[in-house]
């Protein structure tokens, strides 16, 4: 299960489950993640899920900026093209902060360490 968790002063205030194939983030009322902030574009960013080619039971998550005015950032790096998200990544749309949580990737990472150790 994967989540996008909205943070205010490092406190979780909203939790969005990524159960569908796509989430649109922005100020427009039709967005899946509605952000009421004039610094956020109407259609600011898109989060998509794709099946992992090596492990079809798992998904990979990608974030892309949709031409926003104030930018989309992952771990304080501006997103210029579609970027894969990883467990615990910090996502920022203008000044709005989120944390990406992917329990399945966390479990895969634990397995990788056990196998390579």
Protein backbone atom coordinates (compact mmCIF):
# COMPACT_ATOMS: atom_id res chain seq x y z
CA UNK A 1 0.00 0.00 0.00
CA UNK A 2 1.27 3.49 -0.87
CA UNK A 3 0.25 6.85 0.55
CA UNK A 4 0.87 10.52 -0.06
CA UNK A 5 0.73 12.22 3.32
CA UNK A 6 0.29 15.99 3.52
CA UNK A 7 2.41 17.60 6.24
CA UNK A 8 2.06 20.90 8.06
CA UNK A 9 5.02 21.63 10.34
CA UNK A 10 5.99 17.92 10.00
CA UNK A 11 2.58 16.80 11.29
CA UNK A 12 0.38 14.61 9.06
CA UNK A 13 -2.87 16.45 8.30
CA UNK A 14 -4.22 14.49 5.30
CA UNK A 15 -3.53 11.02 3.95
CA UNK A 16 -4.21 10.07 0.33
CA UNK A 17 -4.20 6.36 -0.56
CA UNK A 18 -2.71 5.60 -3.99
CA UNK A 19 -5.06 2.79 -4.88
CA UNK A 20 -5.86 3.96 -8.41
CA UNK A 21 -3.56 4.26 -11.40
CA UNK A 22 -3.32 8.05 -11.25
CA UNK A 23 -3.75 11.02 -8.89
CA UNK A 24 -3.88 14.62 -10.07
CA UNK A 25 -2.70 17.24 -7.62
CA UNK A 26 -3.58 20.91 -7.81
CA UNK A 27 -5.96 23.75 -7.04
CA UNK A 28 -8.66 22.81 -9.58
CA UNK A 29 -11.78 21.29 -7.94
CA UNK A 30 -11.56 18.21 -10.19
CA UNK A 31 -8.11 17.24 -8.83
CA UNK A 32 -7.88 14.11 -6.68
CA UNK A 33 -5.65 15.95 -4.20
CA UNK A 34 -7.13 19.42 -3.88
CA UNK A 35 -4.70 22.03 -2.53
CA UNK A 36 -6.29 25.34 -1.62
CA UNK A 37 -3.25 27.59 -2.15
CA UNK A 38 -2.82 30.26 -4.82
CA UNK A 39 0.85 29.25 -5.19
CA UNK A 40 -0.35 25.88 -6.54
CA UNK A 41 -1.39 25.65 -10.20
CA UNK A 42 -4.83 24.37 -11.19
CA UNK A 43 -3.33 21.15 -12.61
CA UNK A 44 0.02 21.16 -10.79
CA UNK A 45 1.33 17.57 -10.84
CA UNK A 46 0.38 13.97 -11.60
CA UNK A 47 1.26 10.82 -9.68
CA UNK A 48 0.98 7.58 -11.65
CA UNK A 49 1.36 3.93 -10.67
CA UNK A 50 2.90 1.29 -12.96
CA UNK A 51 3.46 -2.40 -12.38
CA UNK A 52 7.06 -3.31 -11.59
CA UNK A 53 8.36 -5.24 -14.65
CA UNK A 54 10.39 -7.66 -12.51
CA UNK A 55 7.87 -8.12 -9.68
CA UNK A 56 4.36 -7.78 -11.19
CA UNK A 57 2.68 -7.90 -7.77
CA UNK A 58 4.38 -4.61 -6.88
CA UNK A 59 3.89 -1.11 -8.25
CA UNK A 60 6.28 1.73 -8.98
CA UNK A 61 5.13 5.33 -8.53
CA UNK A 62 6.10 8.26 -10.73
CA UNK A 63 5.63 12.00 -10.21
CA UNK A 64 5.61 14.60 -12.96
CA UNK A 65 5.11 18.34 -12.97
CA UNK A 66 2.35 19.51 -15.32
CA UNK A 67 3.89 22.87 -16.21
CA UNK A 68 3.24 24.49 -12.85
CA UNK A 69 4.34 28.05 -12.13
CA UNK A 70 6.02 27.42 -8.76
CA UNK A 71 7.40 23.94 -9.35
CA UNK A 72 7.24 20.41 -8.02
CA UNK A 73 10.14 19.13 -5.91
CA UNK A 74 11.28 15.75 -4.59
CA UNK A 75 13.80 15.89 -1.75
CA UNK A 76 14.32 19.60 -2.61
CA UNK A 77 15.27 18.83 -6.23
CA UNK A 78 13.00 20.33 -8.90
CA UNK A 79 11.15 17.73 -10.97
CA UNK A 80 11.96 18.44 -14.63
CA UNK A 81 10.74 15.13 -16.08
CA UNK A 82 8.84 12.13 -14.80
CA UNK A 83 10.60 10.93 -11.65
CA UNK A 84 10.22 7.66 -9.74
CA UNK A 85 9.28 8.07 -6.10
CA UNK A 86 10.76 5.95 -3.34
CA UNK A 87 9.64 5.20 0.20
CA UNK A 88 10.05 8.26 2.50
CA UNK A 89 10.64 10.78 -0.33
CA UNK A 90 9.64 14.35 0.54
CA UNK A 91 7.41 15.91 -2.13
CA UNK A 92 6.74 19.65 -2.32
CA UNK A 93 4.26 21.49 -4.56
CA UNK A 94 5.08 25.20 -4.30
CA UNK A 95 5.21 25.46 -0.45
CA UNK A 96 2.99 22.47 0.34
CA UNK A 97 4.84 19.46 1.76
CA UNK A 98 4.03 15.78 1.47
CA UNK A 99 5.75 12.51 2.39
CA UNK A 100 5.54 9.50 0.07
CA UNK A 101 5.13 6.20 1.92
CA UNK A 102 5.29 2.86 0.09
CA UNK A 103 5.03 -0.07 2.49
CA UNK A 104 5.58 -2.59 -0.33
CA UNK A 105 8.87 -0.97 -1.39
CA UNK A 106 9.98 -0.88 2.22
CA UNK A 107 9.31 -4.63 2.45
CA UNK A 108 11.23 -5.28 -0.80
CA UNK A 109 14.17 -3.27 0.54
CA UNK A 110 14.24 -5.39 3.73
CA UNK A 111 14.24 -8.57 1.59
CA UNK A 112 17.08 -7.24 -0.58
CA UNK A 113 19.25 -6.65 2.49
CA UNK A 114 18.51 -10.15 3.80
CA UNK A 115 19.40 -11.79 0.46
CA UNK A 116 22.60 -9.80 -0.13
CA UNK A 117 23.80 -10.21 3.47
